[in-house]
Amino acid sequence: MMQQYLRLKAQHPDILLFYRMGDFYEMFYDDAERASRLLDLTLTTRGASAGAPIKMAGVPYHAVEQYLA
């Protein structure tokens, strides 16, 4: 899953990538930090990469429209 996210993010580095994971759209790494600041979302972590926690923020899929411009 994370490989696919990173591949998509590499193709679109200048956008916030909302990645569907079950009932949520999630953002990771720098996108999670930006989304938490810009959209007033809680910044949390999920797992680790190279020993560092992976920053994550998300919104329920049914509420995503209010976060899109």
N, C-alpha and C. Protein backbone atom coordinates (compact mmCIF):
# COMPACT_ATOMS: atom_id res chain seq x y z
N MET A 1 0.82 -1.18 0.00
CA MET A 1 0.00 0.00 0.00
C MET A 1 0.87 1.26 0.00
N MET A 2 1.85 1.33 0.88
CA MET A 2 2.68 2.53 0.97
C MET A 2 3.50 2.73 -0.29
N GLN A 3 3.91 1.64 -0.94
CA GLN A 3 4.65 1.77 -2.20
C GLN A 3 3.79 2.44 -3.27
N GLN A 4 2.52 2.05 -3.33
CA GLN A 4 1.61 2.66 -4.30
C GLN A 4 1.42 4.14 -3.98
N TYR A 5 1.22 4.46 -2.70
CA TYR A 5 1.07 5.86 -2.29
C TYR A 5 2.30 6.67 -2.71
N LEU A 6 3.48 6.16 -2.41
CA LEU A 6 4.72 6.88 -2.72
C LEU A 6 4.91 7.04 -4.23
N ARG A 7 4.52 6.04 -5.00
CA ARG A 7 4.61 6.13 -6.46
C ARG A 7 3.67 7.23 -6.99
N LEU A 8 2.44 7.26 -6.49
CA LEU A 8 1.49 8.30 -6.90
C LEU A 8 1.97 9.68 -6.47
N LYS A 9 2.48 9.77 -5.26
CA LYS A 9 2.96 11.05 -4.74
C LYS A 9 4.14 11.55 -5.56
N ALA A 10 5.03 10.66 -6.00
CA ALA A 10 6.17 11.06 -6.83
C ALA A 10 5.69 11.61 -8.18
N GLN A 11 4.57 11.10 -8.68
CA GLN A 11 4.02 11.57 -9.95
C GLN A 11 3.31 12.92 -9.80
N HIS A 12 2.87 13.24 -8.57
CA HIS A 12 2.10 14.46 -8.30
C HIS A 12 2.63 15.14 -7.04
N PRO A 13 3.86 15.63 -7.07
CA PRO A 13 4.49 16.15 -5.84
C PRO A 13 3.88 17.43 -5.30
N ASP A 14 3.16 18.19 -6.13
CA ASP A 14 2.67 19.50 -5.70
C ASP A 14 1.23 19.52 -5.21
N ILE A 15 0.62 18.35 -5.07
CA ILE A 15 -0.76 18.30 -4.59
C ILE A 15 -0.83 17.58 -3.24
N LEU A 16 -1.91 17.83 -2.51
CA LEU A 16 -2.21 17.01 -1.33
C LEU A 16 -2.88 15.75 -1.86
N LEU A 17 -2.29 14.62 -1.62
CA LEU A 17 -2.81 13.35 -2.13
C LEU A 17 -3.71 12.70 -1.08
N PHE A 18 -5.02 12.67 -1.35
CA PHE A 18 -5.98 11.99 -0.48
C PHE A 18 -6.03 10.54 -0.96
N TYR A 19 -5.57 9.62 -0.14
CA TYR A 19 -5.43 8.20 -0.52
C TYR A 19 -6.50 7.40 0.23
N ARG A 20 -7.39 6.74 -0.51
CA ARG A 20 -8.50 6.01 0.11
C ARG A 20 -7.99 4.74 0.77
N MET A 21 -8.29 4.64 2.08
CA MET A 21 -7.94 3.46 2.88
C MET A 21 -9.20 3.06 3.65
N GLY A 22 -9.95 2.11 3.12
CA GLY A 22 -11.18 1.69 3.78
C GLY A 22 -12.18 2.83 3.82
N ASP A 23 -12.58 3.22 5.02
CA ASP A 23 -13.58 4.28 5.19
C ASP A 23 -12.99 5.67 5.32
N PHE A 24 -11.68 5.82 5.07
CA PHE A 24 -11.02 7.11 5.23
C PHE A 24 -10.19 7.46 4.00
N TYR A 25 -10.00 8.76 3.80
CA TYR A 25 -8.98 9.27 2.90
C TYR A 25 -7.84 9.72 3.80
N GLU A 26 -6.65 9.21 3.54
CA GLU A 26 -5.51 9.50 4.41
C GLU A 26 -4.40 10.19 3.63
N MET A 27 -3.65 11.01 4.35
CA MET A 27 -2.48 11.69 3.82
C MET A 27 -1.30 11.33 4.71
N PHE A 28 -0.11 11.25 4.13
CA PHE A 28 1.07 10.81 4.86
C PHE A 28 2.22 11.80 4.69
N TYR A 29 3.18 11.70 5.60
CA TYR A 29 4.43 12.47 5.56
C TYR A 29 4.13 13.97 5.52
N ASP A 30 4.78 14.70 4.58
CA ASP A 30 4.60 16.15 4.51
C ASP A 30 3.16 16.53 4.20
N ASP A 31 2.47 15.73 3.39
CA ASP A 31 1.06 16.01 3.11
C ASP A 31 0.23 15.99 4.39
N ALA A 32 0.53 15.06 5.28
CA ALA A 32 -0.19 14.99 6.55
C ALA A 32 0.03 16.25 7.37
N GLU A 33 1.27 16.73 7.40
CA GLU A 33 1.56 17.97 8.14
C GLU A 33 0.83 19.15 7.52
N ARG A 34 0.88 19.27 6.21
CA ARG A 34 0.18 20.38 5.53
C ARG A 34 -1.32 20.29 5.73
N ALA A 35 -1.88 19.10 5.58
CA ALA A 35 -3.32 18.93 5.73
C ALA A 35 -3.76 19.25 7.16
N SER A 36 -2.99 18.83 8.13
CA SER A 36 -3.37 19.10 9.52
C SER A 36 -3.39 20.60 9.78
N ARG A 37 -2.45 21.31 9.21
CA ARG A 37 -2.37 22.76 9.40
C ARG A 37 -3.45 23.49 8.59
N LEU A 38 -3.61 23.14 7.32
CA LEU A 38 -4.53 23.85 6.44
C LEU A 38 -6.00 23.49 6.65
N LEU A 39 -6.25 22.23 7.00
CA LEU A 39 -7.63 21.74 7.12
C LEU A 39 -8.06 21.49 8.56
N ASP A 40 -7.20 21.84 9.50
CA ASP A 40 -7.49 21.67 10.93
C ASP A 40 -7.78 20.20 11.26
N LEU A 41 -6.91 19.31 10.79
CA LEU A 41 -7.03 17.88 11.06
C LEU A 41 -6.03 17.48 12.13
N THR A 42 -6.32 16.40 12.83
CA THR A 42 -5.40 15.87 13.82
C THR A 42 -4.24 15.18 13.12
N LEU A 43 -3.03 15.54 13.52
CA LEU A 43 -1.83 14.89 13.00
C LEU A 43 -1.46 13.75 13.94
N THR A 44 -1.30 12.57 13.37
CA THR A 44 -0.97 11.39 14.17
C THR A 44 0.14 10.63 13.46
N THR A 45 0.42 9.43 13.89
CA THR A 45 1.41 8.60 13.22
C THR A 45 0.84 7.21 12.98
N ARG A 46 1.45 6.54 12.00
CA ARG A 46 1.04 5.17 11.67
C ARG A 46 2.29 4.41 11.25
N GLY A 47 2.64 3.41 11.99
CA GLY A 47 3.81 2.61 11.65
C GLY A 47 5.09 3.41 11.65
N ALA A 48 6.09 2.89 10.96
CA ALA A 48 7.39 3.56 10.89
C ALA A 48 8.07 3.23 9.57
N SER A 49 8.96 4.13 9.17
CA SER A 49 9.78 3.93 7.98
C SER A 49 11.19 4.36 8.34
N ALA A 50 12.15 3.48 8.14
CA ALA A 50 13.55 3.74 8.50
C ALA A 50 13.67 4.15 9.97
N GLY A 51 12.83 3.56 10.81
CA GLY A 51 12.89 3.82 12.24
C GLY A 51 12.17 5.06 12.70
N ALA A 52 11.63 5.86 11.78
CA ALA A 52 10.92 7.09 12.14
C ALA A 52 9.42 6.89 11.94
N PRO A 53 8.59 7.43 12.84
CA PRO A 53 7.14 7.30 12.68
C PRO A 53 6.67 7.98 11.38
N ILE A 54 5.67 7.39 10.74
CA ILE A 54 5.08 7.97 9.53
C ILE A 54 3.94 8.89 9.95
N LYS A 55 4.06 10.18 9.63
CA LYS A 55 3.01 11.14 9.97
C LYS A 55 1.79 10.86 9.10
N MET A 56 0.60 10.99 9.72
CA MET A 56 -0.64 10.67 9.03
C MET A 56 -1.76 11.58 9.50
N ALA A 57 -2.64 11.95 8.57
CA ALA A 57 -3.88 12.67 8.88
C ALA A 57 -4.93 12.11 7.94
N GLY A 58 -6.20 12.14 8.36
CA GLY A 58 -7.23 11.59 7.50
C GLY A 58 -8.60 12.15 7.78
N VAL A 59 -9.50 11.89 6.83
CA VAL A 59 -10.90 12.30 6.96
C VAL A 59 -11.78 11.13 6.52
N PRO A 60 -12.97 10.99 7.13
CA PRO A 60 -13.89 9.93 6.71
C PRO A 60 -14.31 10.15 5.25
N TYR A 61 -14.45 9.08 4.50
CA TYR A 61 -14.78 9.20 3.08
C TYR A 61 -16.09 9.93 2.86
N HIS A 62 -17.05 9.77 3.76
CA HIS A 62 -18.36 10.39 3.58
C HIS A 62 -18.34 11.89 3.85
N ALA A 63 -17.24 12.41 4.42
CA ALA A 63 -17.13 13.84 4.72
C ALA A 63 -16.07 14.53 3.86
N VAL A 64 -15.50 13.83 2.90
CA VAL A 64 -14.36 14.37 2.15
C VAL A 64 -14.71 15.63 1.37
N GLU A 65 -15.94 15.75 0.89
CA GLU A 65 -16.33 16.91 0.07
C GLU A 65 -16.08 18.23 0.77
N GLN A 66 -16.27 18.29 2.07
CA GLN A 66 -16.09 19.56 2.78
C GLN A 66 -14.62 19.96 2.88
N TYR A 67 -13.70 19.06 2.55
CA TYR A 67 -12.27 19.36 2.59
C TYR A 67 -11.67 19.65 1.22
N LEU A 68 -12.45 19.49 0.17
CA LEU A 68 -11.95 19.69 -1.19
C LEU A 68 -12.35 21.06 -1.72
N ALA A 69 -11.47 21.65 -2.52
CA ALA A 69 -11.78 22.96 -3.11
C ALA A 69 -11.88 22.84 -4.61
